[in-house]
Amino acid sequence: QIIYPTTGVDGLDVSYKGTKLRTLSKTTFLVENTGNSPVLESDVIAPIKIVISDKANVLDTMIDSKLPTNLEFQAIRDKQEIFIKF
């Protein structure tokens, strides 16, 4: 958790893209191929789907890093779901 409700400072407002925040958490997901062969697009049956609790409000998704850097995929948010598409 990055911002706690008890750390309020008078006169300090925190917002993200216009949304005022009282609390803020960051969650990181690691998707890793531990095998000896690369995963090809033709090997993927369905995109990876991450379902977020209705109690959470997802403000943004981003790809923090990828290795090797020429991997092509995107994180797409749709309400309380995030899809990783290759």
N, C-alpha and C. Protein backbone atom coordinates (compact mmCIF):
# COMPACT_ATOMS: atom_id res chain seq x y z
N GLN A 1 0.85 -1.16 0.00
CA GLN A 1 0.00 0.00 0.00
C GLN A 1 0.91 1.24 0.00
N ILE A 2 0.60 2.18 -0.88
CA ILE A 2 1.43 3.37 -1.05
C ILE A 2 0.90 4.53 -0.22
N ILE A 3 -0.41 4.72 -0.20
CA ILE A 3 -1.04 5.78 0.59
C ILE A 3 -2.01 5.12 1.56
N TYR A 4 -1.91 5.47 2.83
CA TYR A 4 -2.79 4.96 3.86
C TYR A 4 -3.77 6.05 4.27
N PRO A 5 -4.98 5.69 4.67
CA PRO A 5 -5.93 6.71 5.12
C PRO A 5 -5.46 7.45 6.36
N THR A 6 -4.62 6.83 7.17
CA THR A 6 -4.18 7.48 8.41
C THR A 6 -3.00 8.43 8.20
N THR A 7 -2.46 8.51 7.00
CA THR A 7 -1.31 9.39 6.76
C THR A 7 -1.74 10.74 6.20
N GLY A 8 -3.00 11.09 6.41
CA GLY A 8 -3.53 12.35 5.88
C GLY A 8 -2.79 13.55 6.45
N VAL A 9 -2.48 14.47 5.58
CA VAL A 9 -1.83 15.72 5.97
C VAL A 9 -2.78 16.83 5.56
N ASP A 10 -3.10 17.72 6.49
CA ASP A 10 -4.01 18.81 6.18
C ASP A 10 -3.51 19.60 4.98
N GLY A 11 -4.40 19.80 4.01
CA GLY A 11 -4.06 20.57 2.81
C GLY A 11 -3.43 19.76 1.70
N LEU A 12 -3.14 18.47 1.93
CA LEU A 12 -2.53 17.63 0.91
C LEU A 12 -3.60 16.75 0.28
N ASP A 13 -3.80 16.91 -1.02
CA ASP A 13 -4.71 16.07 -1.78
C ASP A 13 -3.90 15.31 -2.81
N VAL A 14 -4.18 14.02 -2.95
CA VAL A 14 -3.50 13.18 -3.93
C VAL A 14 -4.53 12.73 -4.94
N SER A 15 -4.20 12.90 -6.23
CA SER A 15 -5.12 12.45 -7.29
C SER A 15 -4.31 11.82 -8.41
N TYR A 16 -4.99 11.00 -9.20
CA TYR A 16 -4.38 10.36 -10.36
C TYR A 16 -5.33 10.54 -11.53
N LYS A 17 -4.87 11.26 -12.54
CA LYS A 17 -5.67 11.53 -13.74
C LYS A 17 -7.06 12.06 -13.37
N GLY A 18 -7.11 12.95 -12.37
CA GLY A 18 -8.36 13.58 -11.98
C GLY A 18 -9.17 12.83 -10.94
N THR A 19 -8.75 11.62 -10.56
CA THR A 19 -9.45 10.85 -9.54
C THR A 19 -8.78 11.08 -8.19
N LYS A 20 -9.52 11.65 -7.24
CA LYS A 20 -8.98 11.91 -5.91
C LYS A 20 -8.80 10.58 -5.17
N LEU A 21 -7.66 10.42 -4.54
CA LEU A 21 -7.34 9.16 -3.88
C LEU A 21 -7.24 9.34 -2.37
N ARG A 22 -7.83 8.41 -1.67
CA ARG A 22 -7.70 8.37 -0.22
C ARG A 22 -6.69 7.30 0.17
N THR A 23 -6.68 6.20 -0.60
CA THR A 23 -5.69 5.13 -0.43
C THR A 23 -5.18 4.76 -1.83
N LEU A 24 -4.01 4.17 -1.87
CA LEU A 24 -3.42 3.76 -3.15
C LEU A 24 -2.54 2.56 -2.92
N SER A 25 -2.73 1.53 -3.74
CA SER A 25 -1.90 0.32 -3.68
C SER A 25 -1.40 0.02 -5.08
N LYS A 26 -0.27 -0.65 -5.14
CA LYS A 26 0.29 -1.09 -6.41
C LYS A 26 0.42 -2.61 -6.35
N THR A 27 -0.01 -3.28 -7.39
CA THR A 27 0.10 -4.72 -7.48
C THR A 27 0.89 -5.05 -8.73
N THR A 28 1.83 -5.97 -8.60
CA THR A 28 2.66 -6.37 -9.73
C THR A 28 2.45 -7.85 -10.00
N PHE A 29 2.25 -8.19 -11.27
CA PHE A 29 2.13 -9.58 -11.70
C PHE A 29 3.33 -9.91 -12.57
N LEU A 30 3.93 -11.05 -12.32
CA LEU A 30 5.05 -11.53 -13.11
C LEU A 30 4.58 -12.74 -13.91
N VAL A 31 4.74 -12.66 -15.21
CA VAL A 31 4.44 -13.80 -16.08
C VAL A 31 5.78 -14.24 -16.65
N GLU A 32 6.14 -15.50 -16.40
CA GLU A 32 7.47 -15.96 -16.75
C GLU A 32 7.41 -17.33 -17.41
N ASN A 33 8.15 -17.47 -18.48
CA ASN A 33 8.30 -18.76 -19.15
C ASN A 33 9.55 -19.40 -18.57
N THR A 34 9.39 -20.46 -17.80
CA THR A 34 10.54 -21.11 -17.17
C THR A 34 11.05 -22.29 -17.99
N GLY A 35 10.47 -22.48 -19.17
CA GLY A 35 10.90 -23.58 -20.03
C GLY A 35 12.11 -23.20 -20.87
N ASN A 36 12.53 -24.13 -21.71
CA ASN A 36 13.70 -23.92 -22.57
C ASN A 36 13.34 -23.40 -23.95
N SER A 37 12.04 -23.40 -24.28
CA SER A 37 11.60 -22.96 -25.61
C SER A 37 10.75 -21.71 -25.48
N PRO A 38 10.87 -20.79 -26.44
CA PRO A 38 10.02 -19.60 -26.40
C PRO A 38 8.56 -19.97 -26.67
N VAL A 39 7.65 -19.21 -26.09
CA VAL A 39 6.22 -19.41 -26.34
C VAL A 39 5.88 -18.64 -27.60
N LEU A 40 5.34 -19.34 -28.57
CA LEU A 40 4.94 -18.70 -29.83
C LEU A 40 3.49 -18.26 -29.75
N GLU A 41 3.13 -17.28 -30.56
CA GLU A 41 1.74 -16.81 -30.58
C GLU A 41 0.79 -17.97 -30.89
N SER A 42 1.21 -18.88 -31.76
CA SER A 42 0.35 -20.02 -32.12
C SER A 42 0.17 -20.98 -30.95
N ASP A 43 1.03 -20.91 -29.93
CA ASP A 43 0.90 -21.76 -28.74
C ASP A 43 -0.14 -21.24 -27.75
N VAL A 44 -0.50 -19.98 -27.87
CA VAL A 44 -1.41 -19.35 -26.90
C VAL A 44 -2.85 -19.66 -27.29
N ILE A 45 -3.56 -20.35 -26.42
CA ILE A 45 -4.96 -20.71 -26.68
C ILE A 45 -5.88 -19.53 -26.39
N ALA A 46 -5.62 -18.83 -25.29
CA ALA A 46 -6.43 -17.67 -24.89
C ALA A 46 -5.52 -16.69 -24.16
N PRO A 47 -5.87 -15.41 -24.18
CA PRO A 47 -5.05 -14.45 -23.45
C PRO A 47 -5.09 -14.71 -21.95
N ILE A 48 -4.05 -14.29 -21.26
CA ILE A 48 -4.04 -14.38 -19.79
C ILE A 48 -5.08 -13.40 -19.28
N LYS A 49 -5.91 -13.85 -18.33
CA LYS A 49 -6.97 -12.99 -17.79
C LYS A 49 -6.79 -12.85 -16.29
N ILE A 50 -6.69 -11.61 -15.82
CA ILE A 50 -6.58 -11.30 -14.40
C ILE A 50 -7.89 -10.64 -13.99
N VAL A 51 -8.60 -11.25 -13.05
CA VAL A 51 -9.89 -10.73 -12.59
C VAL A 51 -9.66 -10.00 -11.26
N ILE A 52 -10.11 -8.75 -11.21
CA ILE A 52 -9.94 -7.90 -10.04
C ILE A 52 -11.24 -7.88 -9.24
N SER A 53 -11.13 -7.89 -7.93
CA SER A 53 -12.28 -7.84 -7.04
C SER A 53 -13.13 -6.60 -7.31
N ASP A 54 -14.44 -6.72 -7.14
CA ASP A 54 -15.33 -5.57 -7.29
C ASP A 54 -15.05 -4.50 -6.24
N LYS A 55 -14.38 -4.86 -5.16
CA LYS A 55 -14.06 -3.91 -4.10
C LYS A 55 -12.87 -3.01 -4.47
N ALA A 56 -12.16 -3.36 -5.53
CA ALA A 56 -10.99 -2.60 -5.95
C ALA A 56 -11.34 -1.71 -7.14
N ASN A 57 -10.66 -0.60 -7.24
CA ASN A 57 -10.84 0.31 -8.36
C ASN A 57 -9.50 0.39 -9.09
N VAL A 58 -9.41 -0.21 -10.26
CA VAL A 58 -8.18 -0.21 -11.04
C VAL A 58 -8.07 1.11 -11.78
N LEU A 59 -7.04 1.87 -11.47
CA LEU A 59 -6.85 3.17 -12.11
C LEU A 59 -6.10 3.06 -13.43
N ASP A 60 -5.16 2.13 -13.52
CA ASP A 60 -4.33 2.06 -14.71
C ASP A 60 -3.64 0.71 -14.76
N THR A 61 -3.23 0.31 -15.94
CA THR A 61 -2.38 -0.87 -16.11
C THR A 61 -1.20 -0.45 -16.95
N MET A 62 -0.07 -1.07 -16.69
CA MET A 62 1.12 -0.76 -17.49
C MET A 62 2.05 -1.95 -17.50
N ILE A 63 2.85 -2.02 -18.53
CA ILE A 63 3.88 -3.04 -18.63
C ILE A 63 5.16 -2.40 -18.11
N ASP A 64 5.64 -2.92 -17.00
CA ASP A 64 6.81 -2.35 -16.33
C ASP A 64 8.10 -2.70 -17.04
N SER A 65 8.23 -3.95 -17.45
CA SER A 65 9.43 -4.39 -18.16
C SER A 65 9.14 -5.69 -18.89
N LYS A 66 10.00 -6.00 -19.82
CA LYS A 66 9.90 -7.28 -20.53
C LYS A 66 11.30 -7.70 -20.97
N LEU A 67 11.51 -9.01 -20.96
CA LEU A 67 12.80 -9.55 -21.31
C LEU A 67 12.57 -10.82 -22.10
N PRO A 68 13.03 -10.95 -23.30
CA PRO A 68 13.78 -9.95 -24.06
C PRO A 68 12.89 -8.77 -24.45
N THR A 69 13.53 -7.68 -24.77
CA THR A 69 12.80 -6.44 -25.03
C THR A 69 11.97 -6.47 -26.30
N ASN A 70 12.20 -7.43 -27.19
CA ASN A 70 11.43 -7.48 -28.44
C ASN A 70 10.13 -8.28 -28.31
N LEU A 71 9.77 -8.70 -27.10
CA LEU A 71 8.49 -9.39 -26.90
C LEU A 71 7.35 -8.44 -27.24
N GLU A 72 6.34 -8.95 -27.90
CA GLU A 72 5.19 -8.13 -28.28
C GLU A 72 3.95 -8.62 -27.54
N PHE A 73 3.47 -7.80 -26.62
CA PHE A 73 2.22 -8.09 -25.92
C PHE A 73 1.68 -6.79 -25.34
N GLN A 74 0.43 -6.82 -24.94
CA GLN A 74 -0.20 -5.63 -24.38
C GLN A 74 -1.13 -6.02 -23.24
N ALA A 75 -1.29 -5.09 -22.31
CA ALA A 75 -2.22 -5.27 -21.20
C ALA A 75 -3.44 -4.42 -21.49
N ILE A 76 -4.60 -5.06 -21.56
CA ILE A 76 -5.84 -4.36 -21.90
C ILE A 76 -6.80 -4.50 -20.72
N ARG A 77 -7.29 -3.37 -20.23
CA ARG A 77 -8.22 -3.37 -19.08
C ARG A 77 -9.64 -3.22 -19.58
N ASP A 78 -10.52 -4.04 -19.05
CA ASP A 78 -11.95 -3.95 -19.34
C ASP A 78 -12.70 -4.11 -18.03
N LYS A 79 -13.09 -2.98 -17.43
CA LYS A 79 -13.76 -2.95 -16.12
C LYS A 79 -12.90 -3.62 -15.07
N GLN A 80 -13.30 -4.76 -14.54
CA GLN A 80 -12.57 -5.43 -13.47
C GLN A 80 -11.72 -6.59 -13.99
N GLU A 81 -11.37 -6.58 -15.27
CA GLU A 81 -10.54 -7.62 -15.84
C GLU A 81 -9.39 -6.99 -16.61
N ILE A 82 -8.25 -7.66 -16.58
CA ILE A 82 -7.09 -7.24 -17.36
C ILE A 82 -6.68 -8.44 -18.20
N PHE A 83 -6.54 -8.21 -19.50
CA PHE A 83 -6.13 -9.26 -20.43
C PHE A 83 -4.72 -8.98 -20.91
N ILE A 84 -3.89 -10.01 -20.91
CA ILE A 84 -2.55 -9.92 -21.47
C ILE A 84 -2.61 -10.64 -22.82
N LYS A 85 -2.49 -9.86 -23.88
CA LYS A 85 -2.60 -10.42 -25.23
C LYS A 85 -1.24 -10.39 -25.91
N PHE A 86 -0.87 -11.53 -26.49
CA PHE A 86 0.40 -11.65 -27.18
C PHE A 86 0.24 -11.36 -28.66
